[in-house]
């Protein structure tokens, strides 16, 4: 299992009720975001995404990302406002083999006559807790100057 992906985060990512989004960029740096529930963490600790369309903007951007070593971002929101942002690199796209075949059969059983372009595999390099509590703590600890003046005055009057 990836040291970056805690058991809690893996559970959130693999929960079918969690909100998951994949952000890629094109050759000009223009972002593209897709919401997709196919994103999951595999047994090896890497993150996987099922791409159904060869011509999709995401697939095009992912090909560029793997060729030119560009990062992607995966946003995840679970229950109780648990939110995370994962920076990752694409390391492989499975276009055949047992993993591809498994997902291809499952997709066709679930969705009917559809294609599977590939199963993209990502290696996480950074995880950021995006919950309000974590972001507030970071701001108050590392950027106290960003505090609103009324809050700052209240702190000063208590001293």
C-alpha atoms as a PDB file:
ATOM      1  CA  UNK A   1       0.000   0.000   0.000  1.00  0.00           C
ATOM      2  CA  UNK A   2       1.223   3.523  -0.746  1.00  0.00           C
ATOM      3  CA  UNK A   3       2.587   5.283   2.325  1.00  0.00           C
ATOM      4  CA  UNK A   4       0.890   8.468   1.129  1.00  0.00           C
ATOM      5  CA  UNK A   5      -2.568   6.944   1.019  1.00  0.00           C
ATOM      6  CA  UNK A   6      -3.782   6.277   4.541  1.00  0.00           C
ATOM      7  CA  UNK A   7      -6.251   3.438   5.131  1.00  0.00           C
ATOM      8  CA  UNK A   8      -8.923   6.098   5.762  1.00  0.00           C
ATOM      9  CA  UNK A   9      -8.226   7.778   2.411  1.00  0.00           C
ATOM     10  CA  UNK A  10      -8.190   4.449   0.549  1.00  0.00           C
ATOM     11  CA  UNK A  11     -11.558   3.633   2.113  1.00  0.00           C
ATOM     12  CA  UNK A  12     -12.964   7.003   1.014  1.00  0.00           C
ATOM     13  CA  UNK A  13     -11.638   6.625  -2.538  1.00  0.00           C
ATOM     14  CA  UNK A  14     -12.986   3.077  -2.847  1.00  0.00           C
ATOM     15  CA  UNK A  15     -16.408   4.046  -1.460  1.00  0.00           C
ATOM     16  CA  UNK A  16     -18.906   4.142  -4.337  1.00  0.00           C
ATOM     17  CA  UNK A  17     -20.744   7.024  -2.637  1.00  0.00           C
ATOM     18  CA  UNK A  18     -17.675   9.283  -2.531  1.00  0.00           C
ATOM     19  CA  UNK A  19     -17.317  12.152  -4.989  1.00  0.00           C
ATOM     20  CA  UNK A  20     -14.193  11.768  -7.153  1.00  0.00           C
ATOM     21  CA  UNK A  21     -12.794  14.068  -9.826  1.00  0.00           C
ATOM     22  CA  UNK A  22      -9.763  13.810 -12.101  1.00  0.00           C
ATOM     23  CA  UNK A  23      -8.080  17.010 -13.294  1.00  0.00           C
ATOM     24  CA  UNK A  24      -5.688  16.998 -16.237  1.00  0.00           C
ATOM     25  CA  UNK A  25      -4.099  19.736 -18.331  1.00  0.00           C
ATOM     26  CA  UNK A  26      -3.594  19.976 -22.068  1.00  0.00           C
ATOM     27  CA  UNK A  27      -0.450  21.019 -23.942  1.00  0.00           C
ATOM     28  CA  UNK A  28      -1.244  24.701 -23.313  1.00  0.00           C
ATOM     29  CA  UNK A  29      -1.896  24.208 -19.603  1.00  0.00           C
ATOM     30  CA  UNK A  30      -5.683  24.463 -19.932  1.00  0.00           C
ATOM     31  CA  UNK A  31      -7.279  22.353 -17.177  1.00  0.00           C
ATOM     32  CA  UNK A  32      -9.948  19.744 -17.781  1.00  0.00           C
ATOM     33  CA  UNK A  33     -11.885  18.096 -14.951  1.00  0.00           C
ATOM     34  CA  UNK A  34     -14.121  15.031 -15.023  1.00  0.00           C
ATOM     35  CA  UNK A  35     -16.217  13.634 -12.200  1.00  0.00           C
ATOM     36  CA  UNK A  36     -15.901   9.863 -12.347  1.00  0.00           C
ATOM     37  CA  UNK A  37     -16.830   7.133  -9.887  1.00  0.00           C
ATOM     38  CA  UNK A  38     -14.563   4.592 -11.582  1.00  0.00           C
ATOM     39  CA  UNK A  39     -11.535   5.979  -9.710  1.00  0.00           C
ATOM     40  CA  UNK A  40     -10.275   3.485  -7.126  1.00  0.00           C
ATOM     41  CA  UNK A  41      -7.151   2.341  -5.263  1.00  0.00           C
ATOM     42  CA  UNK A  42      -5.771  -1.044  -6.284  1.00  0.00           C
ATOM     43  CA  UNK A  43      -4.075  -3.658  -4.128  1.00  0.00           C
ATOM     44  CA  UNK A  44      -0.648  -2.246  -5.045  1.00  0.00           C
ATOM     45  CA  UNK A  45      -1.590   1.169  -3.602  1.00  0.00           C
ATOM     46  CA  UNK A  46      -1.782   2.916  -6.966  1.00  0.00           C
ATOM     47  CA  UNK A  47      -4.866   4.773  -8.159  1.00  0.00           C
ATOM     48  CA  UNK A  48      -6.818   3.623 -11.224  1.00  0.00           C
ATOM     49  CA  UNK A  49      -9.240   5.363 -13.589  1.00  0.00           C
ATOM     50  CA  UNK A  50     -11.332   3.732 -16.316  1.00  0.00           C
ATOM     51  CA  UNK A  51     -11.399   5.700 -19.578  1.00  0.00           C
ATOM     52  CA  UNK A  52     -14.215   4.721 -21.910  1.00  0.00           C
ATOM     53  CA  UNK A  53     -13.580   7.007 -24.888  1.00  0.00           C
ATOM     54  CA  UNK A  54     -10.435   7.096 -27.016  1.00  0.00           C
ATOM     55  CA  UNK A  55     -11.256  10.627 -28.201  1.00  0.00           C
ATOM     56  CA  UNK A  56     -12.043  12.137 -24.789  1.00  0.00           C
ATOM     57  CA  UNK A  57     -10.244  15.260 -23.624  1.00  0.00           C
ATOM     58  CA  UNK A  58      -9.142  13.398 -20.488  1.00  0.00           C
ATOM     59  CA  UNK A  59      -7.588  10.564 -22.487  1.00  0.00           C
ATOM     60  CA  UNK A  60      -5.808  13.027 -24.776  1.00  0.00           C
ATOM     61  CA  UNK A  61      -4.455  14.950 -21.777  1.00  0.00           C
ATOM     62  CA  UNK A  62      -3.412  11.754 -19.978  1.00  0.00           C
ATOM     63  CA  UNK A  63      -1.406  10.632 -23.008  1.00  0.00           C
ATOM     64  CA  UNK A  64       0.377  14.003 -22.911  1.00  0.00           C
ATOM     65  CA  UNK A  65       0.884  13.648 -19.164  1.00  0.00           C
ATOM     66  CA  UNK A  66       2.542  10.264 -19.436  1.00  0.00           C
ATOM     67  CA  UNK A  67       4.718  11.364 -22.374  1.00  0.00           C
ATOM     68  CA  UNK A  68       5.791  14.692 -20.888  1.00  0.00           C
ATOM     69  CA  UNK A  69       5.824  13.818 -17.182  1.00  0.00           C
ATOM     70  CA  UNK A  70       2.910  16.080 -16.200  1.00  0.00           C
ATOM     71  CA  UNK A  71       1.039  15.648 -12.937  1.00  0.00           C
ATOM     72  CA  UNK A  72      -2.670  15.104 -12.553  1.00  0.00           C
ATOM     73  CA  UNK A  73      -4.834  15.984  -9.591  1.00  0.00           C
ATOM     74  CA  UNK A  74      -7.500  13.779  -8.075  1.00  0.00           C
ATOM     75  CA  UNK A  75     -10.062  15.351  -5.771  1.00  0.00           C
ATOM     76  CA  UNK A  76     -11.982  13.146  -3.354  1.00  0.00           C
ATOM     77  CA  UNK A  77     -14.854  14.028  -1.013  1.00  0.00           C
ATOM     78  CA  UNK A  78     -16.237  11.497   1.415  1.00  0.00           C
ATOM     79  CA  UNK A  79     -18.804  11.744   4.168  1.00  0.00           C
ATOM     80  CA  UNK A  80     -18.626  14.345   6.934  1.00  0.00           C
ATOM     81  CA  UNK A  81     -16.766  16.884   4.777  1.00  0.00           C
ATOM     82  CA  UNK A  82     -13.654  14.713   4.490  1.00  0.00           C
ATOM     83  CA  UNK A  83     -11.875  16.096   1.426  1.00  0.00           C
ATOM     84  CA  UNK A  84      -8.484  15.347  -0.071  1.00  0.00           C
ATOM     85  CA  UNK A  85      -6.460  16.430  -3.072  1.00  0.00           C
ATOM     86  CA  UNK A  86      -3.989  13.929  -4.489  1.00  0.00           C
ATOM     87  CA  UNK A  87      -1.192  14.925  -6.853  1.00  0.00           C
ATOM     88  CA  UNK A  88      -0.096  11.968  -8.972  1.00  0.00           C
ATOM     89  CA  UNK A  89       1.774  10.933 -12.081  1.00  0.00           C
ATOM     90  CA  UNK A  90       0.336   8.529 -14.641  1.00  0.00           C
ATOM     91  CA  UNK A  91       2.656   5.521 -14.764  1.00  0.00           C
ATOM     92  CA  UNK A  92       0.857   3.197 -17.161  1.00  0.00           C
ATOM     93  CA  UNK A  93      -2.267   2.671 -19.200  1.00  0.00           C
ATOM     94  CA  UNK A  94      -3.522  -0.900 -19.377  1.00  0.00           C
ATOM     95  CA  UNK A  95      -4.951  -1.561 -22.851  1.00  0.00           C
ATOM     96  CA  UNK A  96      -4.921  -5.355 -22.605  1.00  0.00           C
ATOM     97  CA  UNK A  97      -4.224  -8.059 -20.061  1.00  0.00           C
ATOM     98  CA  UNK A  98      -6.079  -9.384 -17.022  1.00  0.00           C
ATOM     99  CA  UNK A  99      -6.789  -6.009 -15.354  1.00  0.00           C
ATOM    100  CA  UNK A 100      -8.132  -4.540 -18.594  1.00  0.00           C
ATOM    101  CA  UNK A 101     -10.198  -7.664 -19.337  1.00  0.00           C
ATOM    102  CA  UNK A 102     -11.703  -7.704 -15.833  1.00  0.00           C
ATOM    103  CA  UNK A 103     -12.907  -4.107 -16.130  1.00  0.00           C
ATOM    104  CA  UNK A 104     -14.007  -4.526 -19.746  1.00  0.00           C
ATOM    105  CA  UNK A 105     -16.286  -7.454 -18.848  1.00  0.00           C
ATOM    106  CA  UNK A 106     -17.665  -5.647 -15.765  1.00  0.00           C
ATOM    107  CA  UNK A 107     -18.385  -2.456 -17.741  1.00  0.00           C
ATOM    108  CA  UNK A 108     -20.195  -4.294 -20.513  1.00  0.00           C
ATOM    109  CA  UNK A 109     -22.303  -6.191 -17.974  1.00  0.00           C
ATOM    110  CA  UNK A 110     -23.183  -2.934 -16.246  1.00  0.00           C
ATOM    111  CA  UNK A 111     -23.498  -0.484 -19.172  1.00  0.00           C
ATOM    112  CA  UNK A 112     -24.156  -2.671 -22.204  1.00  0.00           C
ATOM    113  CA  UNK A 113     -22.402  -2.169 -25.532  1.00  0.00           C
ATOM    114  CA  UNK A 114     -19.565   0.165 -24.473  1.00  0.00           C
ATOM    115  CA  UNK A 115     -15.839   0.280 -25.109  1.00  0.00           C
ATOM    116  CA  UNK A 116     -13.017   0.592 -22.619  1.00  0.00           C
ATOM    117  CA  UNK A 117     -10.102   2.573 -23.992  1.00  0.00           C
ATOM    118  CA  UNK A 118      -7.820   1.860 -21.076  1.00  0.00           C
ATOM    119  CA  UNK A 119      -7.303   1.547 -17.361  1.00  0.00           C
ATOM    120  CA  UNK A 120      -5.025   4.406 -16.327  1.00  0.00           C
ATOM    121  CA  UNK A 121      -2.720   3.822 -13.366  1.00  0.00           C
ATOM    122  CA  UNK A 122      -1.376   6.674 -11.207  1.00  0.00           C
ATOM    123  CA  UNK A 123       1.263   6.876  -8.490  1.00  0.00           C
ATOM    124  CA  UNK A 124       0.417   9.389  -5.754  1.00  0.00           C
ATOM    125  CA  UNK A 125       3.200  11.832  -4.886  1.00  0.00           C
ATOM    126  CA  UNK A 126       1.401  14.223  -2.539  1.00  0.00           C
ATOM    127  CA  UNK A 127      -1.804  14.196  -0.506  1.00  0.00           C
ATOM    128  CA  UNK A 128      -3.360  17.321   0.973  1.00  0.00           C
ATOM    129  CA  UNK A 129      -6.199  17.309   3.497  1.00  0.00           C
ATOM    130  CA  UNK A 130      -8.697  19.794   2.063  1.00  0.00           C
ATOM    131  CA  UNK A 131     -11.192  19.723   4.942  1.00  0.00           C
ATOM    132  CA  UNK A 132     -12.133  23.126   6.307  1.00  0.00           C
ATOM    133  CA  UNK A 133     -10.673  22.244   9.703  1.00  0.00           C
ATOM    134  CA  UNK A 134      -7.283  21.302   8.193  1.00  0.00           C
ATOM    135  CA  UNK A 135      -7.195  24.358   5.930  1.00  0.00           C
ATOM    136  CA  UNK A 136      -8.113  26.692   8.802  1.00  0.00           C
ATOM    137  CA  UNK A 137      -5.395  25.179  10.985  1.00  0.00           C
ATOM    138  CA  UNK A 138      -2.841  25.615   8.199  1.00  0.00           C
ATOM    139  CA  UNK A 139      -3.853  29.223   7.627  1.00  0.00           C
ATOM    140  CA  UNK A 140      -3.829  30.147  11.311  1.00  0.00           C
ATOM    141  CA  UNK A 141      -0.469  28.430  11.841  1.00  0.00           C
ATOM    142  CA  UNK A 142       1.360  29.489   8.689  1.00  0.00           C
ATOM    143  CA  UNK A 143      -0.456  32.655   7.623  1.00  0.00           C
ATOM    144  CA  UNK A 144      -1.751  34.437  10.729  1.00  0.00           C
ATOM    145  CA  UNK A 145      -1.609  37.722   8.847  1.00  0.00           C
ATOM    146  CA  UNK A 146      -4.593  36.523   6.767  1.00  0.00           C
ATOM    147  CA  UNK A 147      -6.837  36.666   9.840  1.00  0.00           C
ATOM    148  CA  UNK A 148      -9.699  39.174   9.628  1.00  0.00           C
ATOM    149  CA  UNK A 149      -9.077  42.300  11.678  1.00  0.00           C
ATOM    150  CA  UNK A 150     -12.061  41.733  13.979  1.00  0.00           C
ATOM    151  CA  UNK A 151     -10.681  38.298  14.939  1.00  0.00           C
ATOM    152  CA  UNK A 152      -7.217  39.754  15.419  1.00  0.00           C
ATOM    153  CA  UNK A 153      -8.610  42.532  17.655  1.00  0.00           C
ATOM    154  CA  UNK A 154     -10.483  39.947  19.734  1.00  0.00           C
ATOM    155  CA  UNK A 155      -7.280  37.926  20.237  1.00  0.00           C
ATOM    156  CA  UNK A 156      -5.383  41.073  21.235  1.00  0.00           C
ATOM    157  CA  UNK A 157      -8.066  42.138  23.742  1.00  0.00           C
ATOM    158  CA  UNK A 158      -7.923  38.708  25.426  1.00  0.00           C
ATOM    159  CA  UNK A 159      -4.182  39.088  26.089  1.00  0.00           C
END
